[in-house]
């Protein structure tokens, strides 16, 4: 496993970190995590050198923190870095901050967190974090040793990122960074802002919620022709990890195949060479020529008043746009009537919560039209 020194602390984090937002679920049980499968994945990652495990208060309704804490309990506490986050929108006052933090300690079964973040700084949430009662409490916990390193994650604009990054002397920051968003969502500029401020970067969504694990037949062929023994996803992970100010590349691994492939990528890590960068640029241009939405499946939009499965619906639309076929709409045809896109009331609550700025009602309108006009395929 490849490791990188963390500032001047003498500590080393594994270059591959395990993101715990997409742990395997029990079929038909909503957000319920399959603990046995999740523990197998976490154990394999740990036993193969991964020492950075990232969860959050809101993941899986709080179950992610419990599962991660329970799975890691068998290992020496100083042999891994446990990471979680404070959800600003859920904090109306200082008491909420303290209650949530103590609940997190209890869920994870620990006395302290190694890395702790202000979660998801964006135009919608930043006012809560700037209100003056969240960061001072977290700084207090850091002084007490309950937090070792304090940082933040951002889905906001580069301007907002820079403003928040200059608010205090942050130990690290986490941003969405991958080869498609390097230009598409100004990830390059965000990386440069943090690098110029001397803030180490933790990368989230390096494979864009799985979207860069398989691009399209033409783009995939470019990569497979060059490196037939390497997965398409490994190119995305290596892109992020090749940047010198990247401390950890998080991957939301939900299957054993994924964790084995990712561990292999980072066990004999090779930065991208010039030819591989050229191939990636060419693949991105091919992908841009396709029509698709930049949904990462983060699920911030799921508090829909109509209870629509928005990430699933957007994924279906992307699949259709990339490969127009009735089979791409199969998951929508199979949904309950009340879950289908035509039930969107255009309240736009989802738009204000979407880190990618997707006009969800417009997209659902397009999908509803496709479903209405496309005959279901034969069974």
Protein backbone atom coordinates (compact mmCIF):
# COMPACT_ATOMS: atom_id res chain seq x y z
CA UNK A 1 0.00 0.00 0.00
CA UNK A 2 1.20 3.50 -0.87
CA UNK A 3 1.39 5.97 2.06
CA UNK A 4 1.87 9.72 2.29
CA UNK A 5 3.25 11.76 5.17
CA UNK A 6 0.69 14.03 6.78
CA UNK A 7 2.31 17.44 7.09
CA UNK A 8 5.02 17.43 9.78
CA UNK A 9 3.18 15.16 12.22
CA UNK A 10 5.21 12.02 11.59
CA UNK A 11 1.99 10.24 10.67
CA UNK A 12 1.31 8.49 7.37
CA UNK A 13 -2.08 7.94 5.79
CA UNK A 14 -2.74 5.30 3.20
CA UNK A 15 -3.11 6.92 -0.21
CA UNK A 16 -6.26 4.85 -0.68
CA UNK A 17 -8.96 5.68 1.85
CA UNK A 18 -12.21 3.82 2.37
CA UNK A 19 -15.29 5.97 1.92
CA UNK A 20 -18.17 4.47 3.89
CA UNK A 21 -21.16 6.13 2.23
CA UNK A 22 -21.76 3.23 -0.15
CA UNK A 23 -21.40 0.17 2.04
CA UNK A 24 -23.33 -2.90 0.80
CA UNK A 25 -27.05 -2.78 1.59
CA UNK A 26 -29.58 -5.47 2.44
CA UNK A 27 -31.80 -5.90 -0.66
CA UNK A 28 -35.30 -4.56 -0.13
CA UNK A 29 -34.39 -2.90 3.19
CA UNK A 30 -33.76 0.67 2.05
CA UNK A 31 -30.60 2.14 3.61
CA UNK A 32 -30.00 -0.83 5.94
CA UNK A 33 -26.36 -1.94 5.69
CA UNK A 34 -25.46 -5.59 5.26
CA UNK A 35 -23.10 -5.71 8.22
CA UNK A 36 -21.50 -9.05 7.37
CA UNK A 37 -20.54 -7.96 3.85
CA UNK A 38 -19.48 -4.50 5.05
CA UNK A 39 -17.22 -5.99 7.70
CA UNK A 40 -15.60 -8.30 5.14
CA UNK A 41 -14.82 -5.31 2.93
CA UNK A 42 -13.49 -3.21 5.82
CA UNK A 43 -11.38 -6.14 7.09
CA UNK A 44 -9.88 -6.75 3.64
CA UNK A 45 -9.04 -3.06 3.24
CA UNK A 46 -7.46 -2.85 6.70
CA UNK A 47 -5.51 -6.08 6.31
CA UNK A 48 -4.11 -4.81 3.01
CA UNK A 49 -2.87 -1.51 4.38
CA UNK A 50 -5.80 0.92 4.24
CA UNK A 51 -5.75 2.96 7.45
CA UNK A 52 -8.13 5.84 6.61
CA UNK A 53 -11.86 5.20 7.07
CA UNK A 54 -14.30 8.01 6.28
CA UNK A 55 -17.93 8.07 7.43
CA UNK A 56 -20.47 10.75 8.41
CA UNK A 57 -23.34 11.39 10.80
CA UNK A 58 -25.96 11.29 8.03
CA UNK A 59 -24.73 8.26 6.07
CA UNK A 60 -27.36 5.51 6.05
CA UNK A 61 -29.36 7.29 8.74
CA UNK A 62 -26.47 6.94 11.17
CA UNK A 63 -25.87 3.25 10.55
CA UNK A 64 -22.61 3.82 8.68
CA UNK A 65 -20.91 5.24 11.78
CA UNK A 66 -22.13 2.29 13.86
CA UNK A 67 -21.00 -0.32 11.34
CA UNK A 68 -17.59 1.27 10.79
CA UNK A 69 -16.98 1.66 14.53
CA UNK A 70 -18.01 -1.91 15.22
CA UNK A 71 -15.92 -3.35 12.38
CA UNK A 72 -12.77 -1.46 13.46
CA UNK A 73 -13.21 -2.20 17.17
CA UNK A 74 -11.17 -5.40 16.88
CA UNK A 75 -8.05 -3.49 15.77
CA UNK A 76 -5.66 -1.35 17.87
CA UNK A 77 -7.06 2.17 18.04
CA UNK A 78 -3.78 3.76 16.99
CA UNK A 79 -3.52 1.58 13.85
CA UNK A 80 -6.18 3.42 11.85
CA UNK A 81 -7.57 6.89 11.28
CA UNK A 82 -11.31 7.27 11.92
CA UNK A 83 -12.97 10.15 10.10
CA UNK A 84 -16.45 11.62 10.45
CA UNK A 85 -18.29 14.91 9.96
CA UNK A 86 -20.56 17.52 11.56
CA UNK A 87 -23.80 18.21 9.61
CA UNK A 88 -24.23 21.98 9.81
CA UNK A 89 -27.87 22.11 8.64
CA UNK A 90 -28.87 19.93 11.61
CA UNK A 91 -27.30 22.31 14.13
CA UNK A 92 -29.52 25.14 15.32
CA UNK A 93 -27.37 25.95 18.34
CA UNK A 94 -24.32 24.92 20.34
CA UNK A 95 -26.28 22.23 22.19
CA UNK A 96 -27.02 20.48 18.88
CA UNK A 97 -23.31 20.44 18.03
CA UNK A 98 -22.41 18.87 21.37
CA UNK A 99 -25.27 16.36 21.23
CA UNK A 100 -24.38 15.21 17.72
CA UNK A 101 -20.66 14.95 18.45
CA UNK A 102 -21.21 12.89 21.60
CA UNK A 103 -23.67 10.69 19.71
CA UNK A 104 -20.99 10.08 17.07
CA UNK A 105 -18.45 9.05 19.71
CA UNK A 106 -20.99 6.62 21.13
CA UNK A 107 -21.98 5.23 17.71
CA UNK A 108 -18.36 4.61 16.76
CA UNK A 109 -17.36 3.36 20.21
CA UNK A 110 -14.32 5.66 20.46
CA UNK A 111 -13.00 8.46 22.65
CA UNK A 112 -11.73 10.64 19.82
CA UNK A 113 -11.76 11.12 16.06
CA UNK A 114 -8.54 11.40 14.08
CA UNK A 115 -9.86 13.58 11.26
CA UNK A 116 -13.08 15.55 11.68
CA UNK A 117 -14.85 17.70 9.09
CA UNK A 118 -17.42 20.43 8.78
CA UNK A 119 -19.58 18.49 6.36
CA UNK A 120 -20.51 19.68 2.86
CA UNK A 121 -19.81 23.40 2.77
CA UNK A 122 -21.93 24.86 -0.03
CA UNK A 123 -24.09 27.88 -0.72
CA UNK A 124 -26.99 26.19 1.07
CA UNK A 125 -25.17 25.21 4.28
CA UNK A 126 -22.40 27.76 4.74
CA UNK A 127 -24.45 30.19 6.85
CA UNK A 128 -24.88 27.56 9.56
CA UNK A 129 -21.14 26.99 9.74
CA UNK A 130 -20.46 30.73 9.76
CA UNK A 131 -23.01 31.41 12.52
CA UNK A 132 -20.34 31.20 15.22
CA UNK A 133 -21.37 28.23 17.32
CA UNK A 134 -20.16 25.19 15.36
CA UNK A 135 -16.47 25.82 14.67
CA UNK A 136 -15.67 27.14 18.20
CA UNK A 137 -17.09 23.96 19.75
CA UNK A 138 -15.08 21.78 17.37
CA UNK A 139 -11.96 23.79 18.18
CA UNK A 140 -12.68 23.18 21.86
CA UNK A 141 -12.88 19.44 21.22
CA UNK A 142 -9.61 19.62 19.32
CA UNK A 143 -7.94 21.29 22.30
CA UNK A 144 -9.32 18.50 24.49
CA UNK A 145 -7.91 15.82 22.17
CA UNK A 146 -11.31 14.56 21.04
CA UNK A 147 -10.42 15.74 17.53
CA UNK A 148 -6.86 15.39 16.27
CA UNK A 149 -7.18 17.21 12.95
CA UNK A 150 -9.97 19.57 11.92
CA UNK A 151 -11.00 20.19 8.32
CA UNK A 152 -13.98 20.59 6.03
CA UNK A 153 -15.52 19.12 2.91
CA UNK A 154 -16.82 21.34 0.14
CA UNK A 155 -19.25 21.01 -2.73
CA UNK A 156 -19.42 24.78 -3.23
CA UNK A 157 -17.97 27.14 -5.79
CA UNK A 158 -14.24 27.89 -5.89
CA UNK A 159 -15.01 31.36 -4.51
CA UNK A 160 -16.86 29.91 -1.51
CA UNK A 161 -14.15 27.31 -1.01
CA UNK A 162 -11.46 29.98 -0.87
CA UNK A 163 -13.47 32.13 1.55
CA UNK A 164 -14.06 29.22 3.92
CA UNK A 165 -10.51 27.93 3.57
CA UNK A 166 -9.19 31.28 4.81
CA UNK A 167 -11.52 31.32 7.82
CA UNK A 168 -9.00 29.58 10.06
CA UNK A 169 -5.88 27.42 9.90
CA UNK A 170 -7.48 24.19 8.66
CA UNK A 171 -5.54 20.94 8.90
CA UNK A 172 -7.00 19.52 5.66
CA UNK A 173 -9.89 19.85 3.23
CA UNK A 174 -11.93 17.42 1.16
CA UNK A 175 -13.15 18.19 -2.36
CA UNK A 176 -14.72 16.40 -5.30
CA UNK A 177 -11.91 15.79 -7.75
CA UNK A 178 -11.72 13.56 -10.79
CA UNK A 179 -10.50 13.86 -14.35
CA UNK A 180 -13.92 14.81 -15.71
CA UNK A 181 -14.59 17.50 -13.09
CA UNK A 182 -11.03 18.81 -13.38
CA UNK A 183 -12.45 21.32 -15.87
CA UNK A 184 -16.20 20.64 -15.80
CA UNK A 185 -16.64 21.68 -12.16
CA UNK A 186 -13.45 23.67 -11.63
CA UNK A 187 -11.79 20.94 -9.56
CA UNK A 188 -8.43 22.14 -10.88
CA UNK A 189 -9.02 25.61 -9.49
CA UNK A 190 -10.20 24.24 -6.16
CA UNK A 191 -7.14 22.00 -5.90
CA UNK A 192 -4.88 24.96 -6.67
CA UNK A 193 -6.59 27.17 -4.07
CA UNK A 194 -5.99 24.60 -1.33
CA UNK A 195 -2.47 23.83 -2.51
CA UNK A 196 -1.52 27.52 -2.52
CA UNK A 197 -2.87 27.81 1.05
CA UNK A 198 -0.84 24.80 2.15
CA UNK A 199 -3.91 22.69 2.94
CA UNK A 200 -3.64 18.95 2.17
CA UNK A 201 -6.40 17.61 -0.07
CA UNK A 202 -8.56 14.58 0.62
CA UNK A 203 -10.28 13.53 -2.60
CA UNK A 204 -13.91 12.41 -2.73
CA UNK A 205 -15.76 11.15 -5.81
CA UNK A 206 -12.57 10.23 -7.72
CA UNK A 207 -14.66 7.84 -9.81
CA UNK A 208 -17.65 10.22 -9.76
CA UNK A 209 -19.96 7.92 -7.85
CA UNK A 210 -18.99 5.03 -10.14
CA UNK A 211 -19.65 6.96 -13.35
CA UNK A 212 -15.99 6.80 -14.37
CA UNK A 213 -15.79 3.06 -13.77
CA UNK A 214 -17.18 2.63 -17.28
CA UNK A 215 -17.41 5.62 -19.59
CA UNK A 216 -18.79 4.48 -22.93
CA UNK A 217 -17.59 1.81 -25.36
CA UNK A 218 -15.43 4.18 -27.41
CA UNK A 219 -13.70 5.80 -24.42
CA UNK A 220 -13.28 2.53 -22.56
CA UNK A 221 -11.57 1.05 -25.61
CA UNK A 222 -8.87 3.74 -25.54
CA UNK A 223 -7.92 2.74 -22.00
CA UNK A 224 -8.23 -1.00 -22.48
CA UNK A 225 -6.14 -0.92 -25.65
CA UNK A 226 -3.35 0.81 -23.72
CA UNK A 227 -3.64 -1.23 -20.50
CA UNK A 228 -5.81 -4.32 -21.02
CA UNK A 229 -5.08 -5.65 -17.53
CA UNK A 230 -6.23 -2.49 -15.72
CA UNK A 231 -9.80 -1.56 -14.80
CA UNK A 232 -11.35 1.63 -16.14
CA UNK A 233 -11.88 2.78 -12.54
CA UNK A 234 -8.16 2.49 -11.80
CA UNK A 235 -7.43 5.27 -14.30
CA UNK A 236 -9.63 7.66 -12.32
CA UNK A 237 -8.05 6.72 -9.00
CA UNK A 238 -4.57 7.13 -10.38
CA UNK A 239 -5.43 10.53 -11.86
CA UNK A 240 -6.34 11.89 -8.43
CA UNK A 241 -3.48 10.12 -6.66
CA UNK A 242 -0.91 11.49 -9.12
CA UNK A 243 -1.42 15.02 -7.79
CA UNK A 244 1.32 15.85 -5.24
CA UNK A 245 -0.92 17.68 -2.72
CA UNK A 246 -3.43 14.84 -2.55
CA UNK A 247 -3.18 13.13 0.83
CA UNK A 248 -5.91 10.48 0.49
CA UNK A 249 -8.08 9.28 -2.38
CA UNK A 250 -11.40 8.06 -1.00
CA UNK A 251 -13.25 5.28 -2.75
CA UNK A 252 -16.77 4.28 -1.76
CA UNK A 253 -16.27 0.54 -2.07
CA UNK A 254 -19.45 -1.53 -1.89
CA UNK A 255 -18.27 -4.90 -3.23
CA UNK A 256 -15.29 -7.13 -2.56
CA UNK A 257 -14.31 -6.95 -6.23
CA UNK A 258 -14.01 -3.17 -5.94
CA UNK A 259 -11.86 -3.24 -2.82
CA UNK A 260 -9.56 -5.91 -4.32
CA UNK A 261 -9.13 -3.91 -7.53
CA UNK A 262 -8.49 -0.65 -5.63
CA UNK A 263 -6.00 -2.26 -3.26
CA UNK A 264 -4.14 -3.65 -6.27
CA UNK A 265 -4.03 -0.17 -7.84
CA UNK A 266 -2.47 1.36 -4.72
CA UNK A 267 -0.25 -1.55 -3.70
CA UNK A 268 1.98 -0.96 -6.70
CA UNK A 269 1.03 2.63 -7.35
CA UNK A 270 2.30 4.24 -10.54
CA UNK A 271 1.53 7.90 -11.28
CA UNK A 272 0.00 8.57 -14.68
CA UNK A 273 2.49 9.18 -17.45
CA UNK A 274 2.15 11.72 -20.25
CA UNK A 275 0.58 9.25 -22.68
CA UNK A 276 -2.01 8.17 -20.11
CA UNK A 277 -2.93 11.81 -19.47
CA UNK A 278 -3.43 12.23 -23.20
CA UNK A 279 -5.69 9.18 -23.36
CA UNK A 280 -7.77 10.50 -20.47
CA UNK A 281 -8.21 13.87 -22.18
CA UNK A 282 -9.36 12.09 -25.33
CA UNK A 283 -11.76 9.89 -23.34
CA UNK A 284 -13.25 12.95 -21.64
CA UNK A 285 -13.93 14.59 -24.99
CA UNK A 286 -15.70 11.45 -26.16
CA UNK A 287 -17.79 11.39 -22.98
CA UNK A 288 -18.64 15.08 -23.26
CA UNK A 289 -20.10 14.40 -26.66
CA UNK A 290 -22.66 12.23 -24.92
CA UNK A 291 -25.56 13.87 -23.11
CA UNK A 292 -25.64 13.06 -19.43
CA UNK A 293 -26.22 14.63 -16.02
CA UNK A 294 -23.39 14.99 -13.45
CA UNK A 295 -25.19 13.08 -10.68
CA UNK A 296 -22.79 11.34 -8.26
CA UNK A 297 -25.48 9.52 -6.27
CA UNK A 298 -24.65 11.48 -3.09
CA UNK A 299 -28.34 11.25 -2.06
CA UNK A 300 -28.62 14.76 -0.65
CA UNK A 301 -31.85 15.05 -2.68
CA UNK A 302 -33.71 12.09 -1.17
CA UNK A 303 -35.80 14.21 1.25
CA UNK A 304 -38.35 14.62 -1.53
CA UNK A 305 -41.92 15.48 -0.39
CA UNK A 306 -43.20 13.00 -2.99
CA UNK A 307 -40.63 10.40 -1.85
CA UNK A 308 -39.27 10.02 -5.37
CA UNK A 309 -36.04 7.98 -5.70
CA UNK A 310 -34.32 10.88 -7.48
CA UNK A 311 -30.80 9.39 -7.78
CA UNK A 312 -32.25 6.23 -9.34
CA UNK A 313 -34.36 8.26 -11.75
CA UNK A 314 -31.43 10.45 -12.81
CA UNK A 315 -29.29 7.36 -13.26
CA UNK A 316 -31.93 5.88 -15.54
CA UNK A 317 -31.97 9.05 -17.63
CA UNK A 318 -28.18 9.00 -17.90
CA UNK A 319 -28.23 5.38 -18.98
CA UNK A 320 -30.78 6.18 -21.66
CA UNK A 321 -28.87 9.23 -22.89
CA UNK A 322 -25.67 7.21 -23.18
CA UNK A 323 -27.32 4.16 -24.72
CA UNK A 324 -30.86 4.93 -25.98
CA UNK A 325 -32.81 1.74 -25.49
CA UNK A 326 -36.03 0.68 -23.77
CA UNK A 327 -33.87 -1.58 -21.60
CA UNK A 328 -32.17 1.49 -20.12
CA UNK A 329 -35.56 2.53 -18.72
CA UNK A 330 -36.34 -0.89 -17.25
CA UNK A 331 -35.86 0.23 -13.67
CA UNK A 332 -38.44 3.00 -14.18
CA UNK A 333 -40.93 0.66 -15.83
CA UNK A 334 -40.57 -1.61 -12.80
CA UNK A 335 -41.17 1.14 -10.23
CA UNK A 336 -44.38 1.68 -8.30
CA UNK A 337 -46.55 4.27 -10.00
CA UNK A 338 -46.07 6.74 -7.13
CA UNK A 339 -42.26 6.56 -7.52
CA UNK A 340 -42.20 7.49 -11.20
CA UNK A 341 -40.87 10.82 -12.52
CA UNK A 342 -44.27 12.20 -13.60
CA UNK A 343 -45.13 12.64 -9.91
CA UNK A 344 -42.61 15.47 -9.49
CA UNK A 345 -44.43 18.61 -8.24
CA UNK A 346 -41.49 20.92 -9.15
CA UNK A 347 -41.05 22.23 -5.60
CA UNK A 348 -37.30 22.52 -6.37
CA UNK A 349 -36.20 21.56 -2.86
CA UNK A 350 -33.90 19.02 -4.49
CA UNK A 351 -32.25 21.70 -6.61
CA UNK A 352 -31.20 23.71 -3.55
CA UNK A 353 -29.65 20.61 -2.00
CA UNK A 354 -27.89 19.23 -5.08
CA UNK A 355 -24.09 19.71 -4.86
CA UNK A 356 -23.93 19.38 -8.65
CA UNK A 357 -26.53 22.10 -9.34
CA UNK A 358 -28.70 19.77 -11.42
CA UNK A 359 -32.11 21.09 -12.48
CA UNK A 360 -33.82 17.95 -11.20
CA UNK A 361 -37.44 18.86 -12.12
CA UNK A 362 -36.41 19.53 -15.72
CA UNK A 363 -34.55 16.23 -15.88
CA UNK A 364 -37.47 14.34 -14.38
CA UNK A 365 -39.75 15.97 -16.96
CA UNK A 366 -37.48 14.66 -19.74
CA UNK A 367 -37.50 11.20 -18.19
CA UNK A 368 -41.29 11.20 -17.78
CA UNK A 369 -41.65 12.03 -21.47
CA UNK A 370 -39.30 9.21 -22.45
CA UNK A 371 -41.18 6.71 -20.29
CA UNK A 372 -44.49 7.89 -21.69
CA UNK A 373 -43.36 7.59 -25.29
CA UNK A 374 -41.22 4.42 -25.06
CA UNK A 375 -42.93 1.02 -25.18
CA UNK A 376 -41.62 -1.29 -22.43
CA UNK A 377 -39.29 -3.98 -23.81
CA UNK A 378 -40.47 -7.59 -23.97
CA UNK A 379 -39.79 -9.63 -20.83
